[in-house]
Amino acid sequence: MIRNDDQLQKAKEAARNLEMILEQARKTHRPTEYKAMSQPILLELQRRESEILEYLSYPDQQASAAGI
């Protein structure tokens, strides 16, 4: 669960790293190998993206408290 903007940035970076791993794997693995190895990575990427979207779905608590 993402609790602040710093964690948000780390989650975005982690998601991008997973995407880069998949991009490279698509170029170097045969389709059947890629499908097998990509499934857990895709699930992790989906989980991270879901957390990012959930965090971004709510207003900034600090900004709300300051009346912004």
PDB file of N, CA and C in Angstrom:
ATOM      1  N   MET A   1       0.846  -1.178   0.000  1.00  0.00           N
ATOM      2  CA  MET A   1       0.000   0.000   0.000  1.00  0.00           C
ATOM      3  C   MET A   1       0.892   1.243   0.000  1.00  0.00           C
ATOM      4  N   ILE A   2       0.593   2.149  -0.895  1.00  0.00           N
ATOM      5  CA  ILE A   2       1.353   3.387  -1.019  1.00  0.00           C
ATOM      6  C   ILE A   2       0.749   4.412  -0.072  1.00  0.00           C
ATOM      7  N   ARG A   3       1.610   5.032   0.744  1.00  0.00           N
ATOM      8  CA  ARG A   3       1.123   5.972   1.756  1.00  0.00           C
ATOM      9  C   ARG A   3       1.551   7.414   1.520  1.00  0.00           C
ATOM     10  N   ASN A   4       2.538   7.621   0.637  1.00  0.00           N
ATOM     11  CA  ASN A   4       2.991   8.993   0.399  1.00  0.00           C
ATOM     12  C   ASN A   4       3.611   9.105  -0.999  1.00  0.00           C
ATOM     13  N   ASP A   5       3.929  10.331  -1.371  1.00  0.00           N
ATOM     14  CA  ASP A   5       4.441  10.569  -2.721  1.00  0.00           C
ATOM     15  C   ASP A   5       5.804   9.925  -2.962  1.00  0.00           C
ATOM     16  N   ASP A   6       6.606   9.808  -1.917  1.00  0.00           N
ATOM     17  CA  ASP A   6       7.899   9.143  -2.064  1.00  0.00           C
ATOM     18  C   ASP A   6       7.694   7.678  -2.429  1.00  0.00           C
ATOM     19  N   GLN A   7       6.774   7.022  -1.742  1.00  0.00           N
ATOM     20  CA  GLN A   7       6.461   5.626  -2.049  1.00  0.00           C
ATOM     21  C   GLN A   7       5.836   5.514  -3.437  1.00  0.00           C
ATOM     22  N   LEU A   8       5.065   6.522  -3.829  1.00  0.00           N
ATOM     23  CA  LEU A   8       4.485   6.541  -5.170  1.00  0.00           C
ATOM     24  C   LEU A   8       5.587   6.518  -6.226  1.00  0.00           C
ATOM     25  N   GLN A   9       6.587   7.355  -6.051  1.00  0.00           N
ATOM     26  CA  GLN A   9       7.688   7.407  -7.017  1.00  0.00           C
ATOM     27  C   GLN A   9       8.441   6.086  -7.075  1.00  0.00           C
ATOM     28  N   LYS A  10       8.637   5.457  -5.928  1.00  0.00           N
ATOM     29  CA  LYS A  10       9.318   4.160  -5.896  1.00  0.00           C
ATOM     30  C   LYS A  10       8.475   3.088  -6.581  1.00  0.00           C
ATOM     31  N   ALA A  11       7.172   3.137  -6.396  1.00  0.00           N
ATOM     32  CA  ALA A  11       6.284   2.171  -7.047  1.00  0.00           C
ATOM     33  C   ALA A  11       6.297   2.361  -8.562  1.00  0.00           C
ATOM     34  N   LYS A  12       6.302   3.616  -8.997  1.00  0.00           N
ATOM     35  CA  LYS A  12       6.373   3.890 -10.441  1.00  0.00           C
ATOM     36  C   LYS A  12       7.683   3.377 -11.028  1.00  0.00           C
ATOM     37  N   GLU A  13       8.766   3.578 -10.308  1.00  0.00           N
ATOM     38  CA  GLU A  13      10.070   3.110 -10.768  1.00  0.00           C
ATOM     39  C   GLU A  13      10.102   1.586 -10.837  1.00  0.00           C
ATOM     40  N   ALA A  14       9.547   0.947  -9.833  1.00  0.00           N
ATOM     41  CA  ALA A  14       9.506  -0.519  -9.829  1.00  0.00           C
ATOM     42  C   ALA A  14       8.667  -1.045 -10.992  1.00  0.00           C
ATOM     43  N   ALA A  15       7.537  -0.392 -11.258  1.00  0.00           N
ATOM     44  CA  ALA A  15       6.688  -0.803 -12.379  1.00  0.00           C
ATOM     45  C   ALA A  15       7.432  -0.629 -13.699  1.00  0.00           C
ATOM     46  N   ARG A  16       8.134   0.469 -13.842  1.00  0.00           N
ATOM     47  CA  ARG A  16       8.887   0.703 -15.082  1.00  0.00           C
ATOM     48  C   ARG A  16       9.988  -0.352 -15.247  1.00  0.00           C
ATOM     49  N   ASN A  17      10.637  -0.717 -14.152  1.00  0.00           N
ATOM     50  CA  ASN A  17      11.676  -1.749 -14.225  1.00  0.00           C
ATOM     51  C   ASN A  17      11.087  -3.082 -14.677  1.00  0.00           C
ATOM     52  N   LEU A  18       9.921  -3.425 -14.176  1.00  0.00           N
ATOM     53  CA  LEU A  18       9.262  -4.661 -14.604  1.00  0.00           C
ATOM     54  C   LEU A  18       8.921  -4.600 -16.092  1.00  0.00           C
ATOM     55  N   GLU A  19       8.462  -3.442 -16.553  1.00  0.00           N
ATOM     56  CA  GLU A  19       8.161  -3.281 -17.974  1.00  0.00           C
ATOM     57  C   GLU A  19       9.417  -3.470 -18.813  1.00  0.00           C
ATOM     58  N   MET A  20      10.527  -2.919 -18.359  1.00  0.00           N
ATOM     59  CA  MET A  20      11.783  -3.048 -19.109  1.00  0.00           C
ATOM     60  C   MET A  20      12.246  -4.500 -19.157  1.00  0.00           C
ATOM     61  N   ILE A  21      12.060  -5.227 -18.060  1.00  0.00           N
ATOM     62  CA  ILE A  21      12.412  -6.649 -18.044  1.00  0.00           C
ATOM     63  C   ILE A  21      11.586  -7.397 -19.089  1.00  0.00           C
ATOM     64  N   LEU A  22      10.300  -7.091 -19.132  1.00  0.00           N
ATOM     65  CA  LEU A  22       9.428  -7.761 -20.107  1.00  0.00           C
ATOM     66  C   LEU A  22       9.788  -7.372 -21.541  1.00  0.00           C
ATOM     67  N   GLU A  23      10.103  -6.113 -21.758  1.00  0.00           N
ATOM     68  CA  GLU A  23      10.486  -5.673 -23.104  1.00  0.00           C
ATOM     69  C   GLU A  23      11.711  -6.434 -23.597  1.00  0.00           C
ATOM     70  N   GLN A  24      12.710  -6.582 -22.736  1.00  0.00           N
ATOM     71  CA  GLN A  24      13.919  -7.306 -23.132  1.00  0.00           C
ATOM     72  C   GLN A  24      13.644  -8.795 -23.308  1.00  0.00           C
ATOM     73  N   ALA A  25      12.839  -9.354 -22.419  1.00  0.00           N
ATOM     74  CA  ALA A  25      12.542 -10.788 -22.498  1.00  0.00           C
ATOM     75  C   ALA A  25      11.805 -11.135 -23.788  1.00  0.00           C
ATOM     76  N   ARG A  26      10.952 -10.237 -24.256  1.00  0.00           N
ATOM     77  CA  ARG A  26      10.220 -10.492 -25.508  1.00  0.00           C
ATOM     78  C   ARG A  26      11.180 -10.644 -26.676  1.00  0.00           C
ATOM     79  N   LYS A  27      12.322  -9.983 -26.591  1.00  0.00           N
ATOM     80  CA  LYS A  27      13.295 -10.015 -27.679  1.00  0.00           C
ATOM     81  C   LYS A  27      14.204 -11.240 -27.626  1.00  0.00           C
ATOM     82  N   THR A  28      14.349 -11.836 -26.445  1.00  0.00           N
ATOM     83  CA  THR A  28      15.344 -12.892 -26.289  1.00  0.00           C
ATOM     84  C   THR A  28      14.776 -14.279 -26.009  1.00  0.00           C
ATOM     85  N   HIS A  29      13.494 -14.383 -25.689  1.00  0.00           N
ATOM     86  CA  HIS A  29      12.900 -15.684 -25.372  1.00  0.00           C
ATOM     87  C   HIS A  29      11.950 -16.131 -26.469  1.00  0.00           C
ATOM     88  N   ARG A  30      11.865 -17.435 -26.630  1.00  0.00           N
ATOM     89  CA  ARG A  30      10.877 -17.991 -27.550  1.00  0.00           C
ATOM     90  C   ARG A  30       9.488 -17.755 -26.974  1.00  0.00           C
ATOM     91  N   PRO A  31       8.463 -17.703 -27.821  1.00  0.00           N
ATOM     92  CA  PRO A  31       7.104 -17.403 -27.336  1.00  0.00           C
ATOM     93  C   PRO A  31       6.643 -18.269 -26.173  1.00  0.00           C
ATOM     94  N   THR A  32       6.885 -19.565 -26.213  1.00  0.00           N
ATOM     95  CA  THR A  32       6.426 -20.416 -25.116  1.00  0.00           C
ATOM     96  C   THR A  32       7.206 -20.127 -23.833  1.00  0.00           C
ATOM     97  N   GLU A  33       8.498 -19.882 -23.948  1.00  0.00           N
ATOM     98  CA  GLU A  33       9.306 -19.539 -22.774  1.00  0.00           C
ATOM     99  C   GLU A  33       8.870 -18.191 -22.212  1.00  0.00           C
ATOM    100  N   TYR A  34       8.644 -17.241 -23.109  1.00  0.00           N
ATOM    101  CA  TYR A  34       8.243 -15.908 -22.668  1.00  0.00           C
ATOM    102  C   TYR A  34       6.915 -15.954 -21.919  1.00  0.00           C
ATOM    103  N   LYS A  35       5.976 -16.698 -22.459  1.00  0.00           N
ATOM    104  CA  LYS A  35       4.666 -16.779 -21.815  1.00  0.00           C
ATOM    105  C   LYS A  35       4.799 -17.320 -20.396  1.00  0.00           C
ATOM    106  N   ALA A  36       5.593 -18.351 -20.223  1.00  0.00           N
ATOM    107  CA  ALA A  36       5.762 -18.955 -18.900  1.00  0.00           C
ATOM    108  C   ALA A  36       6.480 -18.015 -17.936  1.00  0.00           C
ATOM    109  N   MET A  37       7.536 -17.364 -18.397  1.00  0.00           N
ATOM    110  CA  MET A  37       8.300 -16.516 -17.483  1.00  0.00           C
ATOM    111  C   MET A  37       7.643 -15.169 -17.237  1.00  0.00           C
ATOM    112  N   SER A  38       6.808 -14.721 -18.153  1.00  0.00           N
ATOM    113  CA  SER A  38       6.230 -13.390 -18.019  1.00  0.00           C
ATOM    114  C   SER A  38       5.016 -13.343 -17.092  1.00  0.00           C
ATOM    115  N   GLN A  39       4.339 -14.464 -16.919  1.00  0.00           N
ATOM    116  CA  GLN A  39       3.111 -14.459 -16.119  1.00  0.00           C
ATOM    117  C   GLN A  39       3.291 -13.898 -14.709  1.00  0.00           C
ATOM    118  N   PRO A  40       4.270 -14.363 -13.928  1.00  0.00           N
ATOM    119  CA  PRO A  40       4.408 -13.793 -12.582  1.00  0.00           C
ATOM    120  C   PRO A  40       4.828 -12.328 -12.606  1.00  0.00           C
ATOM    121  N   ILE A  41       5.608 -11.956 -13.592  1.00  0.00           N
ATOM    122  CA  ILE A  41       6.032 -10.549 -13.703  1.00  0.00           C
ATOM    123  C   ILE A  41       4.846  -9.674 -14.063  1.00  0.00           C
ATOM    124  N   LEU A  42       4.021 -10.140 -14.978  1.00  0.00           N
ATOM    125  CA  LEU A  42       2.824  -9.386 -15.351  1.00  0.00           C
ATOM    126  C   LEU A  42       1.863  -9.229 -14.172  1.00  0.00           C
ATOM    127  N   LEU A  43       1.731 -10.257 -13.363  1.00  0.00           N
ATOM    128  CA  LEU A  43       0.879 -10.164 -12.179  1.00  0.00           C
ATOM    129  C   LEU A  43       1.423  -9.140 -11.184  1.00  0.00           C
ATOM    130  N   GLU A  44       2.731  -9.138 -10.996  1.00  0.00           N
ATOM    131  CA  GLU A  44       3.345  -8.164 -10.098  1.00  0.00           C
ATOM    132  C   GLU A  44       3.199  -6.746 -10.649  1.00  0.00           C
ATOM    133  N   LEU A  45       3.366  -6.596 -11.948  1.00  0.00           N
ATOM    134  CA  LEU A  45       3.186  -5.291 -12.580  1.00  0.00           C
ATOM    135  C   LEU A  45       1.751  -4.809 -12.413  1.00  0.00           C
ATOM    136  N   GLN A  46       0.812  -5.692 -12.606  1.00  0.00           N
ATOM    137  CA  GLN A  46      -0.593  -5.347 -12.433  1.00  0.00           C
ATOM    138  C   GLN A  46      -0.887  -4.930 -10.989  1.00  0.00           C
ATOM    139  N   ARG A  47      -0.311  -5.635 -10.028  1.00  0.00           N
ATOM    140  CA  ARG A  47      -0.508  -5.305  -8.613  1.00  0.00           C
ATOM    141  C   ARG A  47       0.045  -3.916  -8.297  1.00  0.00           C
ATOM    142  N   ARG A  48       1.230  -3.636  -8.795  1.00  0.00           N
ATOM    143  CA  ARG A  48       1.847  -2.330  -8.538  1.00  0.00           C
ATOM    144  C   ARG A  48       1.053  -1.202  -9.202  1.00  0.00           C
ATOM    145  N   GLU A  49       0.624  -1.424 -10.432  1.00  0.00           N
ATOM    146  CA  GLU A  49      -0.159  -0.401 -11.125  1.00  0.00           C
ATOM    147  C   GLU A  49      -1.490  -0.160 -10.416  1.00  0.00           C
ATOM    148  N   SER A  50      -2.072  -1.212  -9.889  1.00  0.00           N
ATOM    149  CA  SER A  50      -3.315  -1.074  -9.139  1.00  0.00           C
ATOM    150  C   SER A  50      -3.097  -0.222  -7.884  1.00  0.00           C
ATOM    151  N   GLU A  51      -1.993  -0.456  -7.182  1.00  0.00           N
ATOM    152  CA  GLU A  51      -1.675   0.347  -5.999  1.00  0.00           C
ATOM    153  C   GLU A  51      -1.461   1.817  -6.368  1.00  0.00           C
ATOM    154  N   ILE A  52      -0.799   2.045  -7.485  1.00  0.00           N
ATOM    155  CA  ILE A  52      -0.560   3.422  -7.941  1.00  0.00           C
ATOM    156  C   ILE A  52      -1.890   4.112  -8.221  1.00  0.00           C
ATOM    157  N   LEU A  53      -2.764   3.434  -8.959  1.00  0.00           N
ATOM    158  CA  LEU A  53      -4.064   4.022  -9.280  1.00  0.00           C
ATOM    159  C   LEU A  53      -4.912   4.250  -8.035  1.00  0.00           C
ATOM    160  N   GLU A  54      -4.843   3.327  -7.086  1.00  0.00           N
ATOM    161  CA  GLU A  54      -5.597   3.501  -5.843  1.00  0.00           C
ATOM    162  C   GLU A  54      -5.098   4.736  -5.093  1.00  0.00           C
ATOM    163  N   TYR A  55      -3.796   4.887  -4.990  1.00  0.00           N
ATOM    164  CA  TYR A  55      -3.234   6.046  -4.294  1.00  0.00           C
ATOM    165  C   TYR A  55      -3.643   7.346  -4.990  1.00  0.00           C
ATOM    166  N   LEU A  56      -3.603   7.346  -6.310  1.00  0.00           N
ATOM    167  CA  LEU A  56      -3.929   8.553  -7.069  1.00  0.00           C
ATOM    168  C   LEU A  56      -5.433   8.843  -7.103  1.00  0.00           C
ATOM    169  N   SER A  57      -6.228   7.895  -6.663  1.00  0.00           N
ATOM    170  CA  SER A  57      -7.679   8.073  -6.661  1.00  0.00           C
ATOM    171  C   SER A  57      -8.177   8.960  -5.531  1.00  0.00           C
ATOM    172  N   TYR A  58      -7.337   9.185  -4.553  1.00  0.00           N
ATOM    173  CA  TYR A  58      -7.749   9.972  -3.389  1.00  0.00           C
ATOM    174  C   TYR A  58      -6.996  11.291  -3.359  1.00  0.00           C
ATOM    175  N   PRO A  59      -7.640  12.346  -2.847  1.00  0.00           N
ATOM    176  CA  PRO A  59      -6.954  13.635  -2.773  1.00  0.00           C
ATOM    177  C   PRO A  59      -5.758  13.569  -1.820  1.00  0.00           C
ATOM    178  N   ASP A  60      -4.826  14.464  -2.041  1.00  0.00           N
ATOM    179  CA  ASP A  60      -3.657  14.570  -1.193  1.00  0.00           C
ATOM    180  C   ASP A  60      -4.096  14.996   0.202  1.00  0.00           C
ATOM    181  N   GLN A  61      -3.848  14.184   1.184  1.00  0.00           N
ATOM    182  CA  GLN A  61      -4.297  14.464   2.543  1.00  0.00           C
ATOM    183  C   GLN A  61      -3.637  15.730   3.103  1.00  0.00           C
ATOM    184  N   GLN A  62      -2.375  15.964   2.765  1.00  0.00           N
ATOM    185  CA  GLN A  62      -1.694  17.165   3.249  1.00  0.00           C
ATOM    186  C   GLN A  62      -2.302  18.410   2.614  1.00  0.00           C
ATOM    187  N   ALA A  63      -2.578  18.339   1.318  1.00  0.00           N
ATOM    188  CA  ALA A  63      -3.166  19.483   0.635  1.00  0.00           C
ATOM    189  C   ALA A  63      -4.571  19.737   1.156  1.00  0.00           C
ATOM    190  N   SER A  64      -5.337  18.682   1.423  1.00  0.00           N
ATOM    191  CA  SER A  64      -6.680  18.838   1.951  1.00  0.00           C
ATOM    192  C   SER A  64      -6.662  19.479   3.336  1.00  0.00           C
ATOM    193  N   ALA A  65      -5.705  19.045   4.168  1.00  0.00           N
ATOM    194  CA  ALA A  65      -5.597  19.593   5.525  1.00  0.00           C
ATOM    195  C   ALA A  65      -5.193  21.063   5.498  1.00  0.00           C
ATOM    196  N   ALA A  66      -4.421  21.461   4.474  1.00  0.00           N
ATOM    197  CA  ALA A  66      -3.962  22.846   4.375  1.00  0.00           C
ATOM    198  C   ALA A  66      -5.004  23.722   3.670  1.00  0.00           C
ATOM    199  N   GLY A  67      -6.087  23.114   3.216  1.00  0.00           N
ATOM    200  CA  GLY A  67      -7.132  23.888   2.527  1.00  0.00           C
ATOM    201  C   GLY A  67      -6.831  24.188   1.073  1.00  0.00           C
ATOM    202  N   ILE A  68      -5.928  23.412   0.492  1.00  0.00           N
ATOM    203  CA  ILE A  68      -5.554  23.620  -0.923  1.00  0.00           C
ATOM    204  C   ILE A  68      -6.519  22.875  -1.812  1.00  0.00           C
TER     205      ILE A  68
END
